[in-house]
């Protein structure tokens, strides 16, 4: 993976699609304006009710949740400190590249589906956002329309055909 086009980490930080950047910004906003105050309120309530015994499992859970939220907030702030947003003009349509939307055909099942190739930080299989670091993402990267692609998946070798590449 020495091809500089496949790397989503630049010298300035991580490369994100505009949609991915917006989703992560919304997540950060929700964590700081909704989740963080909710956790603080839950801790305050525990203090007011004298629930600070050594065996207070609920308080331990709330503090663990608080630590997870603060960790994610710090991670997102660090990410945005150096993130670059991929401009639509730089998304290739003549070959599969970062940000491309790709319509594929699963040869074995004769099933068509579409994915968008994104960085691992914004990957979300439920939304058809495929990490460029995943086996499928690595296999289709650089491919062109009508190319046949094969890659190893947990349930065996998958064979795909590139049907269309777009924005």
C-alpha atoms as a PDB file:
ATOM      1  CA  UNK A   1       0.000   0.000   0.000  1.00  0.00           C
ATOM      2  CA  UNK A   2       2.631   2.466  -1.022  1.00  0.00           C
ATOM      3  CA  UNK A   3       0.351   4.160  -3.552  1.00  0.00           C
ATOM      4  CA  UNK A   4      -0.279   7.613  -2.026  1.00  0.00           C
ATOM      5  CA  UNK A   5      -3.836   7.648  -3.414  1.00  0.00           C
ATOM      6  CA  UNK A   6      -4.963   4.778  -1.192  1.00  0.00           C
ATOM      7  CA  UNK A   7      -3.799   6.385   2.044  1.00  0.00           C
ATOM      8  CA  UNK A   8      -6.452   8.331   3.867  1.00  0.00           C
ATOM      9  CA  UNK A   9      -4.001   9.732   6.356  1.00  0.00           C
ATOM     10  CA  UNK A  10      -2.141  12.726   5.032  1.00  0.00           C
ATOM     11  CA  UNK A  11       0.679  14.707   6.561  1.00  0.00           C
ATOM     12  CA  UNK A  12      -2.038  17.057   7.845  1.00  0.00           C
ATOM     13  CA  UNK A  13      -4.320  14.321   9.208  1.00  0.00           C
ATOM     14  CA  UNK A  14      -7.125  12.041   8.087  1.00  0.00           C
ATOM     15  CA  UNK A  15      -8.919  12.509   4.777  1.00  0.00           C
ATOM     16  CA  UNK A  16     -12.718  12.538   5.152  1.00  0.00           C
ATOM     17  CA  UNK A  17     -15.626  12.804   2.772  1.00  0.00           C
ATOM     18  CA  UNK A  18     -17.852  15.862   3.265  1.00  0.00           C
ATOM     19  CA  UNK A  19     -20.672  13.617   4.551  1.00  0.00           C
ATOM     20  CA  UNK A  20     -18.314  11.812   6.924  1.00  0.00           C
ATOM     21  CA  UNK A  21     -16.990  15.106   8.264  1.00  0.00           C
ATOM     22  CA  UNK A  22     -20.552  16.333   8.893  1.00  0.00           C
ATOM     23  CA  UNK A  23     -21.583  13.085  10.637  1.00  0.00           C
ATOM     24  CA  UNK A  24     -18.532  13.147  12.898  1.00  0.00           C
ATOM     25  CA  UNK A  25     -19.084  16.851  13.689  1.00  0.00           C
ATOM     26  CA  UNK A  26     -22.691  16.039  14.657  1.00  0.00           C
ATOM     27  CA  UNK A  27     -21.473  13.174  16.842  1.00  0.00           C
ATOM     28  CA  UNK A  28     -19.044  15.518  18.620  1.00  0.00           C
ATOM     29  CA  UNK A  29     -21.770  18.100  19.111  1.00  0.00           C
ATOM     30  CA  UNK A  30     -24.167  15.474  20.533  1.00  0.00           C
ATOM     31  CA  UNK A  31     -21.505  14.147  22.890  1.00  0.00           C
ATOM     32  CA  UNK A  32     -20.571  17.587  24.207  1.00  0.00           C
ATOM     33  CA  UNK A  33     -24.033  19.179  24.372  1.00  0.00           C
ATOM     34  CA  UNK A  34     -26.267  16.211  25.223  1.00  0.00           C
ATOM     35  CA  UNK A  35     -24.386  13.171  26.528  1.00  0.00           C
ATOM     36  CA  UNK A  36     -21.806  14.996  28.665  1.00  0.00           C
ATOM     37  CA  UNK A  37     -24.450  17.033  30.569  1.00  0.00           C
ATOM     38  CA  UNK A  38     -26.630  13.910  30.993  1.00  0.00           C
ATOM     39  CA  UNK A  39     -23.736  12.051  32.614  1.00  0.00           C
ATOM     40  CA  UNK A  40     -22.927  15.023  34.846  1.00  0.00           C
ATOM     41  CA  UNK A  41     -26.574  15.152  35.965  1.00  0.00           C
ATOM     42  CA  UNK A  42     -26.578  11.424  36.754  1.00  0.00           C
ATOM     43  CA  UNK A  43     -23.411  11.770  38.840  1.00  0.00           C
ATOM     44  CA  UNK A  44     -24.834  14.818  40.660  1.00  0.00           C
ATOM     45  CA  UNK A  45     -28.036  12.909  41.435  1.00  0.00           C
ATOM     46  CA  UNK A  46     -26.032  10.053  42.897  1.00  0.00           C
ATOM     47  CA  UNK A  47     -24.111  12.491  45.092  1.00  0.00           C
ATOM     48  CA  UNK A  48     -27.292  14.169  46.322  1.00  0.00           C
ATOM     49  CA  UNK A  49     -28.839  10.849  47.256  1.00  0.00           C
ATOM     50  CA  UNK A  50     -25.759   9.732  49.131  1.00  0.00           C
ATOM     51  CA  UNK A  51     -25.146   6.844  46.784  1.00  0.00           C
ATOM     52  CA  UNK A  52     -21.359   7.045  47.053  1.00  0.00           C
ATOM     53  CA  UNK A  53     -20.679   3.790  48.785  1.00  0.00           C
ATOM     54  CA  UNK A  54     -17.834   1.523  47.725  1.00  0.00           C
ATOM     55  CA  UNK A  55     -20.313  -1.003  46.336  1.00  0.00           C
ATOM     56  CA  UNK A  56     -22.276   1.435  44.178  1.00  0.00           C
ATOM     57  CA  UNK A  57     -22.259  -0.396  40.844  1.00  0.00           C
ATOM     58  CA  UNK A  58     -24.543   2.145  39.182  1.00  0.00           C
ATOM     59  CA  UNK A  59     -22.113   4.960  39.958  1.00  0.00           C
ATOM     60  CA  UNK A  60     -19.241   2.847  38.644  1.00  0.00           C
ATOM     61  CA  UNK A  61     -21.166   2.304  35.415  1.00  0.00           C
ATOM     62  CA  UNK A  62     -21.903   6.017  35.052  1.00  0.00           C
ATOM     63  CA  UNK A  63     -18.240   6.894  35.626  1.00  0.00           C
ATOM     64  CA  UNK A  64     -17.191   4.271  33.078  1.00  0.00           C
ATOM     65  CA  UNK A  65     -19.675   5.724  30.576  1.00  0.00           C
ATOM     66  CA  UNK A  66     -18.320   9.196  31.348  1.00  0.00           C
ATOM     67  CA  UNK A  67     -14.777   8.016  30.653  1.00  0.00           C
ATOM     68  CA  UNK A  68     -15.864   6.483  27.339  1.00  0.00           C
ATOM     69  CA  UNK A  69     -17.625   9.685  26.279  1.00  0.00           C
ATOM     70  CA  UNK A  70     -14.675  11.876  27.265  1.00  0.00           C
ATOM     71  CA  UNK A  71     -12.337   9.548  25.391  1.00  0.00           C
ATOM     72  CA  UNK A  72     -14.465   9.749  22.239  1.00  0.00           C
ATOM     73  CA  UNK A  73     -14.690  13.559  22.531  1.00  0.00           C
ATOM     74  CA  UNK A  74     -10.896  13.773  22.790  1.00  0.00           C
ATOM     75  CA  UNK A  75     -10.497  11.392  19.834  1.00  0.00           C
ATOM     76  CA  UNK A  76     -12.865  13.438  17.652  1.00  0.00           C
ATOM     77  CA  UNK A  77     -11.254  16.763  18.631  1.00  0.00           C
ATOM     78  CA  UNK A  78      -7.828  15.375  17.750  1.00  0.00           C
ATOM     79  CA  UNK A  79      -9.216  14.064  14.455  1.00  0.00           C
ATOM     80  CA  UNK A  80     -10.702  17.439  13.512  1.00  0.00           C
ATOM     81  CA  UNK A  81      -7.451  19.158  14.434  1.00  0.00           C
ATOM     82  CA  UNK A  82      -5.899  17.718  11.306  1.00  0.00           C
ATOM     83  CA  UNK A  83      -8.741  16.406   9.164  1.00  0.00           C
ATOM     84  CA  UNK A  84      -8.963  17.316   5.520  1.00  0.00           C
ATOM     85  CA  UNK A  85     -12.255  17.185   3.649  1.00  0.00           C
ATOM     86  CA  UNK A  86     -12.124  15.553   0.235  1.00  0.00           C
ATOM     87  CA  UNK A  87     -13.473  17.878  -2.412  1.00  0.00           C
ATOM     88  CA  UNK A  88     -15.950  16.358  -4.853  1.00  0.00           C
ATOM     89  CA  UNK A  89     -13.698  17.389  -7.754  1.00  0.00           C
ATOM     90  CA  UNK A  90     -11.034  15.001  -6.416  1.00  0.00           C
ATOM     91  CA  UNK A  91     -13.303  11.936  -6.285  1.00  0.00           C
ATOM     92  CA  UNK A  92     -12.387   9.725  -9.246  1.00  0.00           C
ATOM     93  CA  UNK A  93     -15.053   8.287 -11.529  1.00  0.00           C
ATOM     94  CA  UNK A  94     -12.770   6.594 -14.090  1.00  0.00           C
ATOM     95  CA  UNK A  95     -11.477   4.176 -11.454  1.00  0.00           C
ATOM     96  CA  UNK A  96     -12.366   3.294  -7.857  1.00  0.00           C
ATOM     97  CA  UNK A  97     -10.720   5.713  -5.465  1.00  0.00           C
ATOM     98  CA  UNK A  98     -11.325   7.357  -2.138  1.00  0.00           C
ATOM     99  CA  UNK A  99     -14.867   8.761  -2.035  1.00  0.00           C
ATOM    100  CA  UNK A 100     -16.082   6.854  -5.115  1.00  0.00           C
ATOM    101  CA  UNK A 101     -19.542   5.302  -5.079  1.00  0.00           C
ATOM    102  CA  UNK A 102     -19.283   1.905  -6.708  1.00  0.00           C
ATOM    103  CA  UNK A 103     -22.095  -0.286  -8.012  1.00  0.00           C
ATOM    104  CA  UNK A 104     -21.009  -3.911  -7.818  1.00  0.00           C
ATOM    105  CA  UNK A 105     -22.319  -7.292  -8.842  1.00  0.00           C
ATOM    106  CA  UNK A 106     -21.736 -10.294  -6.589  1.00  0.00           C
ATOM    107  CA  UNK A 107     -21.042 -12.967  -9.208  1.00  0.00           C
ATOM    108  CA  UNK A 108     -21.994 -15.923  -6.976  1.00  0.00           C
ATOM    109  CA  UNK A 109     -25.365 -14.554  -5.871  1.00  0.00           C
ATOM    110  CA  UNK A 110     -26.170 -12.361  -8.911  1.00  0.00           C
ATOM    111  CA  UNK A 111     -26.800  -9.540  -6.446  1.00  0.00           C
ATOM    112  CA  UNK A 112     -26.148  -5.848  -7.169  1.00  0.00           C
ATOM    113  CA  UNK A 113     -25.221  -3.410  -4.419  1.00  0.00           C
ATOM    114  CA  UNK A 114     -23.545  -0.033  -4.048  1.00  0.00           C
ATOM    115  CA  UNK A 115     -20.828   1.053  -1.622  1.00  0.00           C
ATOM    116  CA  UNK A 116     -18.827   4.217  -1.087  1.00  0.00           C
ATOM    117  CA  UNK A 117     -15.113   3.893  -0.367  1.00  0.00           C
ATOM    118  CA  UNK A 118     -14.223   5.927   2.744  1.00  0.00           C
ATOM    119  CA  UNK A 119     -11.598   6.092   5.499  1.00  0.00           C
ATOM    120  CA  UNK A 120     -11.804   3.580   8.320  1.00  0.00           C
ATOM    121  CA  UNK A 121     -12.851   6.312  10.776  1.00  0.00           C
ATOM    122  CA  UNK A 122     -16.080   6.945   8.849  1.00  0.00           C
ATOM    123  CA  UNK A 123     -16.755   3.388   7.659  1.00  0.00           C
ATOM    124  CA  UNK A 124     -20.249   2.108   8.442  1.00  0.00           C
ATOM    125  CA  UNK A 125     -21.313  -1.114   6.691  1.00  0.00           C
ATOM    126  CA  UNK A 126     -24.952  -0.550   7.654  1.00  0.00           C
ATOM    127  CA  UNK A 127     -24.868   2.630   5.542  1.00  0.00           C
ATOM    128  CA  UNK A 128     -22.822   1.006   2.739  1.00  0.00           C
ATOM    129  CA  UNK A 129     -19.736   3.035   3.695  1.00  0.00           C
ATOM    130  CA  UNK A 130     -16.812   0.703   3.057  1.00  0.00           C
ATOM    131  CA  UNK A 131     -13.367   1.215   4.572  1.00  0.00           C
ATOM    132  CA  UNK A 132     -10.550   1.451   2.087  1.00  0.00           C
ATOM    133  CA  UNK A 133      -8.612  -0.777   4.505  1.00  0.00           C
ATOM    134  CA  UNK A 134     -11.158  -3.614   4.439  1.00  0.00           C
ATOM    135  CA  UNK A 135     -10.535  -6.670   2.251  1.00  0.00           C
ATOM    136  CA  UNK A 136     -13.225  -5.590  -0.233  1.00  0.00           C
ATOM    137  CA  UNK A 137     -12.098  -1.954  -0.161  1.00  0.00           C
ATOM    138  CA  UNK A 138      -8.500  -2.920  -0.841  1.00  0.00           C
ATOM    139  CA  UNK A 139      -9.588  -5.273  -3.643  1.00  0.00           C
ATOM    140  CA  UNK A 140     -11.726  -2.747  -5.516  1.00  0.00           C
ATOM    141  CA  UNK A 141      -9.375   0.213  -5.074  1.00  0.00           C
ATOM    142  CA  UNK A 142      -8.038   1.250  -8.471  1.00  0.00           C
ATOM    143  CA  UNK A 143     -10.436  -1.005 -10.398  1.00  0.00           C
ATOM    144  CA  UNK A 144     -12.368   0.207 -13.430  1.00  0.00           C
ATOM    145  CA  UNK A 145     -15.822  -0.496 -14.855  1.00  0.00           C
ATOM    146  CA  UNK A 146     -16.204  -4.135 -16.004  1.00  0.00           C
ATOM    147  CA  UNK A 147     -13.176  -5.309 -13.972  1.00  0.00           C
ATOM    148  CA  UNK A 148     -13.623  -8.618 -12.140  1.00  0.00           C
ATOM    149  CA  UNK A 149     -12.341  -8.576  -8.573  1.00  0.00           C
ATOM    150  CA  UNK A 150     -11.709 -11.450  -6.163  1.00  0.00           C
ATOM    151  CA  UNK A 151     -10.842 -11.212  -2.471  1.00  0.00           C
ATOM    152  CA  UNK A 152     -10.879 -13.418   0.609  1.00  0.00           C
ATOM    153  CA  UNK A 153     -13.737 -12.958   3.044  1.00  0.00           C
ATOM    154  CA  UNK A 154     -14.489 -14.876   6.255  1.00  0.00           C
ATOM    155  CA  UNK A 155     -16.915 -17.130   4.366  1.00  0.00           C
ATOM    156  CA  UNK A 156     -14.627 -17.743   1.375  1.00  0.00           C
ATOM    157  CA  UNK A 157     -13.468 -16.044  -1.791  1.00  0.00           C
ATOM    158  CA  UNK A 158     -15.838 -13.375  -3.111  1.00  0.00           C
ATOM    159  CA  UNK A 159     -15.981 -12.430  -6.781  1.00  0.00           C
ATOM    160  CA  UNK A 160     -17.333  -9.066  -7.839  1.00  0.00           C
ATOM    161  CA  UNK A 161     -17.757  -7.152 -11.065  1.00  0.00           C
ATOM    162  CA  UNK A 162     -17.485  -3.364 -11.150  1.00  0.00           C
ATOM    163  CA  UNK A 163     -20.660  -2.109 -12.874  1.00  0.00           C
ATOM    164  CA  UNK A 164     -20.455   1.643 -12.326  1.00  0.00           C
ATOM    165  CA  UNK A 165     -18.273   4.242 -10.613  1.00  0.00           C
ATOM    166  CA  UNK A 166     -19.694   7.629  -9.641  1.00  0.00           C
ATOM    167  CA  UNK A 167     -19.883  10.379  -7.057  1.00  0.00           C
END
